[in-house]
Amino acid sequence: MGTASLGSLWAVLLLLLLPLVFGVPTEEPTFGGSVASKGCQRCCDPEDPLSPADTVRASALPPFPYVMPEVRPYINITILKGDKGARGPSGAPGKPGKNGTRGDRGAQGVKGDKGQAGSPGSPCQEHYSAFSVGRKTALHSSEDFLPLRFDRVFVNTDGHFDMATGRFVAPLRGVYFFSLNVHSWNYKETYVHIVHNDQPAVILYTQPSERSIMQSQSVMLPLVPGDRVWVRLFKRERENAIYSDDVDTYITFSGHLIKAEDS
């Protein structure tokens, strides 16, 4: 009884261990991702190739659980970067923008301190010279140039006009203005010069006419101290004369300093 029970127990253990020793199927992974199952095979069975059913079953198995790494290309652009190119030409200027609105007026600033007094200036110098003279006597031409002398003084500041010679003598360097007024004679020419030193500057001329008329001439001259300005009648080779009488003054000669030049 004890021996039979022990034999039955060993038979059960042998049946449980027999599949583990001879009949356990194995799975071998392949590099391609498929697994081929040969099923149970005894050690004495020949090595036959897989049957078509086994091939179909092997292709249906899931691939080998291997995750391929993600490959991202990387390019070092510093290697491909070339030399800096030349600066391109400037583009055309753009259109001017619109004027902005005028801003608000700012607040008034603080009053500044009083400045220092300046140095005294140079004393003012008054430069002036003027004359105006007239003649009441008619004059006819002679064999030579005939200077006009005057017998009436309207203005002669500081005596710059010499009544004896009929000449103005410049006291200062500067620009002077002169004017001459005469009355022509009927049927005679009137031929008169305003003379600067010994050179005629301008002429006053009137053709012969049945009627006598008033004529005038003026000029501005640059003078230096000592220059002389006067009036003369032309020679007799051209019959000429200027008219006047004892009642009215028909002949006048005037002049004055316009601008003195600082020495």
C-alpha atoms as a PDB file:
ATOM      1  CA  MET A   1       0.000   0.000   0.000  1.00  0.00           C
ATOM      2  CA  GLY A   2       2.793   2.372   0.881  1.00  0.00           C
ATOM      3  CA  THR A   3       4.842   1.316  -2.091  1.00  0.00           C
ATOM      4  CA  ALA A   4       1.951   1.712  -4.544  1.00  0.00           C
ATOM      5  CA  SER A   5       1.175   5.186  -3.293  1.00  0.00           C
ATOM      6  CA  LEU A   6       4.775   6.208  -3.619  1.00  0.00           C
ATOM      7  CA  GLY A   7       4.936   4.919  -7.205  1.00  0.00           C
ATOM      8  CA  SER A   8       1.802   6.813  -8.139  1.00  0.00           C
ATOM      9  CA  LEU A   9       3.295  10.001  -6.720  1.00  0.00           C
ATOM     10  CA  TRP A  10       6.459   9.641  -8.793  1.00  0.00           C
ATOM     11  CA  ALA A  11       4.358   9.039 -11.912  1.00  0.00           C
ATOM     12  CA  VAL A  12       2.460  12.285 -11.361  1.00  0.00           C
ATOM     13  CA  LEU A  13       5.700  14.218 -10.810  1.00  0.00           C
ATOM     14  CA  LEU A  14       7.189  12.679 -13.943  1.00  0.00           C
ATOM     15  CA  LEU A  15       4.159  13.690 -16.009  1.00  0.00           C
ATOM     16  CA  LEU A  16       4.436  17.261 -14.705  1.00  0.00           C
ATOM     17  CA  LEU A  17       8.165  17.478 -15.443  1.00  0.00           C
ATOM     18  CA  LEU A  18       8.071  15.718 -18.803  1.00  0.00           C
ATOM     19  CA  PRO A  19       6.771  18.763 -20.760  1.00  0.00           C
ATOM     20  CA  LEU A  20       9.343  20.980 -19.134  1.00  0.00           C
ATOM     21  CA  VAL A  21      12.165  18.710 -20.261  1.00  0.00           C
ATOM     22  CA  PHE A  22      11.072  17.644 -23.752  1.00  0.00           C
ATOM     23  CA  GLY A  23       8.064  19.614 -24.925  1.00  0.00           C
ATOM     24  CA  VAL A  24       8.587  23.333 -23.986  1.00  0.00           C
ATOM     25  CA  PRO A  25       8.406  25.481 -27.117  1.00  0.00           C
ATOM     26  CA  THR A  26      11.035  28.184 -27.545  1.00  0.00           C
ATOM     27  CA  GLU A  27      11.036  31.556 -29.372  1.00  0.00           C
ATOM     28  CA  GLU A  28      14.186  33.022 -30.859  1.00  0.00           C
ATOM     29  CA  PRO A  29      14.150  36.640 -31.927  1.00  0.00           C
ATOM     30  CA  THR A  30      15.573  37.398 -35.297  1.00  0.00           C
ATOM     31  CA  PHE A  31      17.385  40.637 -36.273  1.00  0.00           C
ATOM     32  CA  GLY A  32      14.742  41.312 -38.854  1.00  0.00           C
ATOM     33  CA  GLY A  33      12.070  41.634 -36.212  1.00  0.00           C
ATOM     34  CA  SER A  34      10.199  38.291 -36.794  1.00  0.00           C
ATOM     35  CA  VAL A  35      10.114  35.315 -34.427  1.00  0.00           C
ATOM     36  CA  ALA A  36       9.987  31.702 -35.789  1.00  0.00           C
ATOM     37  CA  SER A  37       8.232  29.095 -33.602  1.00  0.00           C
ATOM     38  CA  LYS A  38       9.027  25.450 -34.207  1.00  0.00           C
ATOM     39  CA  GLY A  39       6.562  24.093 -31.646  1.00  0.00           C
ATOM     40  CA  CYS A  40       7.363  20.990 -29.649  1.00  0.00           C
ATOM     41  CA  GLN A  41      10.219  18.868 -31.007  1.00  0.00           C
ATOM     42  CA  ARG A  42      11.778  15.817 -29.648  1.00  0.00           C
ATOM     43  CA  CYS A  43      15.461  15.360 -29.669  1.00  0.00           C
ATOM     44  CA  CYS A  44      15.189  12.350 -31.931  1.00  0.00           C
ATOM     45  CA  ASP A  45      13.050  14.077 -34.583  1.00  0.00           C
ATOM     46  CA  PRO A  46      14.747  15.242 -37.800  1.00  0.00           C
ATOM     47  CA  GLU A  47      15.248  18.928 -38.382  1.00  0.00           C
ATOM     48  CA  ASP A  48      12.620  19.661 -41.021  1.00  0.00           C
ATOM     49  CA  PRO A  49      12.114  23.049 -42.610  1.00  0.00           C
ATOM     50  CA  LEU A  50       9.178  25.143 -41.538  1.00  0.00           C
ATOM     51  CA  SER A  51       5.884  24.233 -42.992  1.00  0.00           C
ATOM     52  CA  PRO A  52       3.817  26.831 -44.891  1.00  0.00           C
ATOM     53  CA  ALA A  53       1.547  27.138 -41.901  1.00  0.00           C
ATOM     54  CA  ASP A  54       4.502  27.814 -39.681  1.00  0.00           C
ATOM     55  CA  THR A  55       5.766  30.460 -42.146  1.00  0.00           C
ATOM     56  CA  VAL A  56       2.460  32.284 -42.131  1.00  0.00           C
ATOM     57  CA  ARG A  57       2.321  32.124 -38.382  1.00  0.00           C
ATOM     58  CA  ALA A  58       5.878  33.433 -38.114  1.00  0.00           C
ATOM     59  CA  SER A  59       5.195  36.416 -40.451  1.00  0.00           C
ATOM     60  CA  ALA A  60       2.183  37.363 -38.359  1.00  0.00           C
ATOM     61  CA  LEU A  61       4.258  37.732 -35.204  1.00  0.00           C
ATOM     62  CA  PRO A  62       4.977  41.275 -34.043  1.00  0.00           C
ATOM     63  CA  PRO A  63       8.396  42.820 -34.933  1.00  0.00           C
ATOM     64  CA  PHE A  64      11.282  42.887 -32.535  1.00  0.00           C
ATOM     65  CA  PRO A  65      10.633  45.662 -29.962  1.00  0.00           C
ATOM     66  CA  TYR A  66      13.568  47.919 -31.081  1.00  0.00           C
ATOM     67  CA  VAL A  67      13.098  51.694 -31.426  1.00  0.00           C
ATOM     68  CA  MET A  68      15.198  53.316 -34.144  1.00  0.00           C
ATOM     69  CA  PRO A  69      16.869  56.559 -32.922  1.00  0.00           C
ATOM     70  CA  GLU A  70      15.705  59.809 -34.511  1.00  0.00           C
ATOM     71  CA  VAL A  71      18.427  61.317 -36.663  1.00  0.00           C
ATOM     72  CA  ARG A  72      18.401  65.124 -37.192  1.00  0.00           C
ATOM     73  CA  PRO A  73      20.905  66.610 -39.632  1.00  0.00           C
ATOM     74  CA  TYR A  74      23.020  69.513 -38.293  1.00  0.00           C
ATOM     75  CA  ILE A  75      24.937  71.921 -40.543  1.00  0.00           C
ATOM     76  CA  ASN A  76      27.552  74.261 -39.097  1.00  0.00           C
ATOM     77  CA  ILE A  77      26.756  77.475 -41.007  1.00  0.00           C
ATOM     78  CA  THR A  78      29.934  79.141 -39.748  1.00  0.00           C
ATOM     79  CA  ILE A  79      31.865  76.878 -42.093  1.00  0.00           C
ATOM     80  CA  LEU A  80      29.711  77.891 -45.084  1.00  0.00           C
ATOM     81  CA  LYS A  81      29.767  81.678 -44.269  1.00  0.00           C
ATOM     82  CA  GLY A  82      31.738  83.702 -46.824  1.00  0.00           C
ATOM     83  CA  ASP A  83      33.582  87.041 -46.553  1.00  0.00           C
ATOM     84  CA  LYS A  84      31.639  90.243 -45.973  1.00  0.00           C
ATOM     85  CA  GLY A  85      30.593  91.848 -49.260  1.00  0.00           C
ATOM     86  CA  ALA A  86      31.060  95.472 -50.300  1.00  0.00           C
ATOM     87  CA  ARG A  87      28.491  97.986 -49.172  1.00  0.00           C
ATOM     88  CA  GLY A  88      25.755  98.489 -51.738  1.00  0.00           C
ATOM     89  CA  PRO A  89      24.753 101.865 -53.148  1.00  0.00           C
ATOM     90  CA  SER A  90      22.415 104.021 -51.144  1.00  0.00           C
ATOM     91  CA  GLY A  91      18.814 103.817 -52.096  1.00  0.00           C
ATOM     92  CA  ALA A  92      16.723 106.686 -53.340  1.00  0.00           C
ATOM     93  CA  PRO A  93      15.587 109.029 -50.582  1.00  0.00           C
ATOM     94  CA  GLY A  94      12.098 108.475 -49.427  1.00  0.00           C
ATOM     95  CA  LYS A  95       9.298 110.945 -49.589  1.00  0.00           C
ATOM     96  CA  PRO A  96       9.297 113.539 -46.819  1.00  0.00           C
ATOM     97  CA  GLY A  97       6.876 112.839 -44.090  1.00  0.00           C
ATOM     98  CA  LYS A  98       4.055 115.073 -43.064  1.00  0.00           C
ATOM     99  CA  ASN A  99       4.721 117.920 -40.690  1.00  0.00           C
ATOM    100  CA  GLY A 100       3.747 117.128 -37.200  1.00  0.00           C
ATOM    101  CA  THR A 101       1.362 119.171 -35.206  1.00  0.00           C
ATOM    102  CA  ARG A 102       2.797 122.151 -33.420  1.00  0.00           C
ATOM    103  CA  GLY A 103       3.505 121.503 -29.802  1.00  0.00           C
ATOM    104  CA  ASP A 104       2.199 123.491 -26.920  1.00  0.00           C
ATOM    105  CA  ARG A 105       4.103 126.559 -25.863  1.00  0.00           C
ATOM    106  CA  GLY A 106       6.384 125.886 -22.970  1.00  0.00           C
ATOM    107  CA  ALA A 107       6.336 127.671 -19.697  1.00  0.00           C
ATOM    108  CA  GLN A 108       8.268 130.922 -19.395  1.00  0.00           C
ATOM    109  CA  GLY A 109      11.713 130.457 -18.002  1.00  0.00           C
ATOM    110  CA  VAL A 110      13.165 132.069 -14.957  1.00  0.00           C
ATOM    111  CA  LYS A 111      14.471 135.583 -15.484  1.00  0.00           C
ATOM    112  CA  GLY A 112      18.233 135.624 -15.694  1.00  0.00           C
ATOM    113  CA  ASP A 113      20.622 137.726 -13.713  1.00  0.00           C
ATOM    114  CA  LYS A 114      21.485 141.217 -14.842  1.00  0.00           C
ATOM    115  CA  GLY A 115      24.577 141.354 -16.991  1.00  0.00           C
ATOM    116  CA  GLN A 116      27.617 143.467 -16.411  1.00  0.00           C
ATOM    117  CA  ALA A 117      27.935 146.890 -17.941  1.00  0.00           C
ATOM    118  CA  GLY A 118      30.038 147.060 -21.075  1.00  0.00           C
ATOM    119  CA  SER A 119      33.135 149.137 -21.528  1.00  0.00           C
ATOM    120  CA  PRO A 120      32.581 152.712 -22.658  1.00  0.00           C
ATOM    121  CA  GLY A 121      32.640 153.253 -26.376  1.00  0.00           C
ATOM    122  CA  SER A 122      34.746 155.682 -28.317  1.00  0.00           C
ATOM    123  CA  PRO A 123      33.471 159.263 -28.466  1.00  0.00           C
ATOM    124  CA  CYS A 124      31.204 160.042 -31.383  1.00  0.00           C
ATOM    125  CA  GLN A 125      32.711 162.098 -34.150  1.00  0.00           C
ATOM    126  CA  GLU A 126      30.439 164.242 -36.229  1.00  0.00           C
ATOM    127  CA  HIS A 127      31.569 164.725 -39.793  1.00  0.00           C
ATOM    128  CA  TYR A 128      29.768 167.279 -41.874  1.00  0.00           C
ATOM    129  CA  SER A 129      30.422 169.741 -44.656  1.00  0.00           C
ATOM    130  CA  ALA A 130      27.900 171.637 -46.794  1.00  0.00           C
ATOM    131  CA  PHE A 131      27.570 174.724 -48.925  1.00  0.00           C
ATOM    132  CA  SER A 132      25.039 176.414 -51.216  1.00  0.00           C
ATOM    133  CA  VAL A 133      25.808 179.610 -53.164  1.00  0.00           C
ATOM    134  CA  GLY A 134      24.112 181.645 -55.917  1.00  0.00           C
ATOM    135  CA  ARG A 135      24.818 184.214 -58.644  1.00  0.00           C
ATOM    136  CA  LYS A 136      22.643 187.089 -59.868  1.00  0.00           C
ATOM    137  CA  THR A 137      24.891 188.243 -62.738  1.00  0.00           C
ATOM    138  CA  ALA A 138      24.735 186.848 -66.269  1.00  0.00           C
ATOM    139  CA  LEU A 139      27.915 185.474 -67.807  1.00  0.00           C
ATOM    140  CA  HIS A 140      29.182 185.256 -71.413  1.00  0.00           C
ATOM    141  CA  SER A 141      32.037 183.074 -72.671  1.00  0.00           C
ATOM    142  CA  SER A 142      35.525 184.498 -73.216  1.00  0.00           C
ATOM    143  CA  GLU A 143      38.731 183.433 -74.948  1.00  0.00           C
ATOM    144  CA  ASP A 144      39.513 180.901 -72.189  1.00  0.00           C
ATOM    145  CA  PHE A 145      37.637 178.772 -69.729  1.00  0.00           C
ATOM    146  CA  LEU A 146      35.839 181.054 -67.352  1.00  0.00           C
ATOM    147  CA  PRO A 147      35.228 179.971 -63.728  1.00  0.00           C
ATOM    148  CA  LEU A 148      31.928 180.913 -62.163  1.00  0.00           C
ATOM    149  CA  ARG A 149      32.133 183.080 -59.095  1.00  0.00           C
ATOM    150  CA  PHE A 150      29.130 183.563 -56.876  1.00  0.00           C
ATOM    151  CA  ASP A 151      27.858 186.578 -55.045  1.00  0.00           C
ATOM    152  CA  ARG A 152      25.332 185.064 -52.635  1.00  0.00           C
ATOM    153  CA  VAL A 153      25.791 182.565 -49.808  1.00  0.00           C
ATOM    154  CA  PHE A 154      22.943 180.364 -48.590  1.00  0.00           C
ATOM    155  CA  VAL A 155      25.009 177.841 -46.569  1.00  0.00           C
ATOM    156  CA  ASN A 156      28.777 177.560 -46.058  1.00  0.00           C
ATOM    157  CA  THR A 157      29.593 175.473 -42.946  1.00  0.00           C
ATOM    158  CA  ASP A 158      33.106 176.140 -41.668  1.00  0.00           C
ATOM    159  CA  GLY A 159      33.866 178.195 -44.830  1.00  0.00           C
ATOM    160  CA  HIS A 160      34.745 175.147 -46.965  1.00  0.00           C
ATOM    161  CA  PHE A 161      33.579 177.028 -50.072  1.00  0.00           C
ATOM    162  CA  ASP A 162      35.979 179.793 -51.109  1.00  0.00           C
ATOM    163  CA  MET A 163      33.888 182.744 -52.372  1.00  0.00           C
ATOM    164  CA  ALA A 164      36.951 184.519 -53.777  1.00  0.00           C
ATOM    165  CA  THR A 165      37.895 181.701 -56.146  1.00  0.00           C
ATOM    166  CA  GLY A 166      34.459 180.058 -56.482  1.00  0.00           C
ATOM    167  CA  ARG A 167      35.866 176.643 -55.443  1.00  0.00           C
ATOM    168  CA  PHE A 168      34.906 174.132 -52.782  1.00  0.00           C
ATOM    169  CA  VAL A 169      37.841 172.572 -50.884  1.00  0.00           C
ATOM    170  CA  ALA A 170      37.150 169.141 -49.355  1.00  0.00           C
ATOM    171  CA  PRO A 171      37.981 169.036 -45.617  1.00  0.00           C
ATOM    172  CA  LEU A 172      37.522 165.227 -45.188  1.00  0.00           C
ATOM    173  CA  ARG A 173      37.946 162.024 -47.127  1.00  0.00           C
ATOM    174  CA  GLY A 174      34.577 160.715 -48.251  1.00  0.00           C
ATOM    175  CA  VAL A 175      31.754 160.877 -50.776  1.00  0.00           C
ATOM    176  CA  TYR A 176      30.217 164.248 -51.680  1.00  0.00           C
ATOM    177  CA  PHE A 177      27.134 165.260 -53.625  1.00  0.00           C
ATOM    178  CA  PHE A 178      27.070 168.328 -55.937  1.00  0.00           C
ATOM    179  CA  SER A 179      24.305 169.993 -57.966  1.00  0.00           C
ATOM    180  CA  LEU A 180      24.308 172.910 -60.444  1.00  0.00           C
ATOM    181  CA  ASN A 181      21.299 174.927 -61.694  1.00  0.00           C
ATOM    182  CA  VAL A 182      21.501 177.557 -64.495  1.00  0.00           C
ATOM    183  CA  HIS A 183      19.192 179.447 -66.822  1.00  0.00           C
ATOM    184  CA  SER A 184      19.922 179.293 -70.544  1.00  0.00           C
ATOM    185  CA  TRP A 185      20.005 182.350 -72.848  1.00  0.00           C
ATOM    186  CA  ASN A 186      17.805 182.815 -75.927  1.00  0.00           C
ATOM    187  CA  TYR A 187      19.491 181.753 -79.186  1.00  0.00           C
ATOM    188  CA  LYS A 188      22.737 180.837 -77.398  1.00  0.00           C
ATOM    189  CA  GLU A 189      24.256 177.595 -76.201  1.00  0.00           C
ATOM    190  CA  THR A 190      24.784 176.873 -72.536  1.00  0.00           C
ATOM    191  CA  TYR A 191      27.954 174.803 -72.076  1.00  0.00           C
ATOM    192  CA  VAL A 192      29.109 174.411 -68.466  1.00  0.00           C
ATOM    193  CA  HIS A 193      31.288 171.832 -66.637  1.00  0.00           C
ATOM    194  CA  ILE A 194      31.460 170.755 -63.022  1.00  0.00           C
ATOM    195  CA  VAL A 195      35.217 170.300 -62.536  1.00  0.00           C
ATOM    196  CA  HIS A 196      37.033 168.025 -60.082  1.00  0.00           C
ATOM    197  CA  ASN A 197      40.434 169.627 -59.543  1.00  0.00           C
ATOM    198  CA  ASP A 198      41.406 170.344 -63.192  1.00  0.00           C
ATOM    199  CA  GLN A 199      39.356 167.600 -64.882  1.00  0.00           C
ATOM    200  CA  PRO A 200      35.753 168.067 -66.027  1.00  0.00           C
ATOM    201  CA  ALA A 201      33.496 165.598 -64.200  1.00  0.00           C
ATOM    202  CA  VAL A 202      30.085 166.243 -65.847  1.00  0.00           C
ATOM    203  CA  ILE A 203      28.651 168.691 -68.380  1.00  0.00           C
ATOM    204  CA  LEU A 204      25.497 170.782 -68.456  1.00  0.00           C
ATOM    205  CA  TYR A 205      24.466 171.625 -72.004  1.00  0.00           C
ATOM    206  CA  THR A 206      21.539 173.374 -73.712  1.00  0.00           C
ATOM    207  CA  GLN A 207      21.089 173.921 -77.457  1.00  0.00           C
ATOM    208  CA  PRO A 208      20.157 177.349 -78.845  1.00  0.00           C
ATOM    209  CA  SER A 209      16.442 178.000 -78.686  1.00  0.00           C
ATOM    210  CA  GLU A 210      13.945 180.818 -78.994  1.00  0.00           C
ATOM    211  CA  ARG A 211      13.028 180.326 -75.364  1.00  0.00           C
ATOM    212  CA  SER A 212      15.296 180.206 -72.320  1.00  0.00           C
ATOM    213  CA  ILE A 213      14.869 177.352 -69.869  1.00  0.00           C
ATOM    214  CA  MET A 214      16.203 176.177 -66.485  1.00  0.00           C
ATOM    215  CA  GLN A 215      18.750 173.352 -66.623  1.00  0.00           C
ATOM    216  CA  SER A 216      20.340 171.284 -63.853  1.00  0.00           C
ATOM    217  CA  GLN A 217      23.090 168.724 -63.385  1.00  0.00           C
ATOM    218  CA  SER A 218      24.240 166.696 -60.366  1.00  0.00           C
ATOM    219  CA  VAL A 219      27.003 164.239 -59.473  1.00  0.00           C
ATOM    220  CA  MET A 220      28.555 162.374 -56.535  1.00  0.00           C
ATOM    221  CA  LEU A 221      32.343 162.391 -56.237  1.00  0.00           C
ATOM    222  CA  PRO A 222      34.838 160.668 -53.912  1.00  0.00           C
ATOM    223  CA  LEU A 223      37.183 163.309 -52.527  1.00  0.00           C
ATOM    224  CA  VAL A 224      40.231 163.474 -50.321  1.00  0.00           C
ATOM    225  CA  PRO A 225      41.216 166.431 -48.164  1.00  0.00           C
ATOM    226  CA  GLY A 226      42.361 169.324 -50.368  1.00  0.00           C
ATOM    227  CA  ASP A 227      40.434 168.274 -53.520  1.00  0.00           C
ATOM    228  CA  ARG A 228      38.712 171.183 -55.288  1.00  0.00           C
ATOM    229  CA  VAL A 229      35.346 171.235 -57.046  1.00  0.00           C
ATOM    230  CA  TRP A 230      34.172 174.199 -59.094  1.00  0.00           C
ATOM    231  CA  VAL A 231      32.165 175.317 -62.178  1.00  0.00           C
ATOM    232  CA  ARG A 232      33.501 176.780 -65.440  1.00  0.00           C
ATOM    233  CA  LEU A 233      32.047 178.157 -68.681  1.00  0.00           C
ATOM    234  CA  PHE A 234      33.388 176.797 -71.980  1.00  0.00           C
ATOM    235  CA  LYS A 235      35.579 178.823 -74.394  1.00  0.00           C
ATOM    236  CA  ARG A 236      34.281 181.405 -76.835  1.00  0.00           C
ATOM    237  CA  GLU A 237      34.873 179.117 -79.840  1.00  0.00           C
ATOM    238  CA  ARG A 238      31.380 177.983 -78.996  1.00  0.00           C
ATOM    239  CA  GLU A 239      29.247 181.014 -78.313  1.00  0.00           C
ATOM    240  CA  ASN A 240      27.518 180.303 -75.045  1.00  0.00           C
ATOM    241  CA  ALA A 241      26.188 182.126 -72.018  1.00  0.00           C
ATOM    242  CA  ILE A 242      24.102 181.753 -68.853  1.00  0.00           C
ATOM    243  CA  TYR A 243      21.339 184.141 -67.912  1.00  0.00           C
ATOM    244  CA  SER A 244      20.566 185.922 -64.648  1.00  0.00           C
ATOM    245  CA  ASP A 245      19.442 189.347 -63.431  1.00  0.00           C
ATOM    246  CA  ASP A 246      19.638 191.510 -60.353  1.00  0.00           C
ATOM    247  CA  VAL A 247      16.155 190.604 -59.157  1.00  0.00           C
ATOM    248  CA  ASP A 248      16.136 186.791 -58.977  1.00  0.00           C
ATOM    249  CA  THR A 249      18.828 184.180 -58.474  1.00  0.00           C
ATOM    250  CA  TYR A 250      18.915 181.878 -61.498  1.00  0.00           C
ATOM    251  CA  ILE A 251      22.329 180.281 -60.932  1.00  0.00           C
ATOM    252  CA  THR A 252      23.013 178.070 -57.887  1.00  0.00           C
ATOM    253  CA  PHE A 253      25.784 175.668 -56.931  1.00  0.00           C
ATOM    254  CA  SER A 254      25.455 173.360 -53.890  1.00  0.00           C
ATOM    255  CA  GLY A 255      27.269 170.426 -52.307  1.00  0.00           C
ATOM    256  CA  HIS A 256      27.498 168.393 -49.100  1.00  0.00           C
ATOM    257  CA  LEU A 257      29.274 165.394 -47.529  1.00  0.00           C
ATOM    258  CA  ILE A 258      27.322 162.166 -47.776  1.00  0.00           C
ATOM    259  CA  LYS A 259      29.642 159.736 -45.987  1.00  0.00           C
ATOM    260  CA  ALA A 260      33.021 160.318 -44.450  1.00  0.00           C
ATOM    261  CA  GLU A 261      35.593 157.524 -44.606  1.00  0.00           C
ATOM    262  CA  ASP A 262      37.302 156.756 -41.314  1.00  0.00           C
ATOM    263  CA  SER A 263      41.040 157.181 -41.506  1.00  0.00           C
END
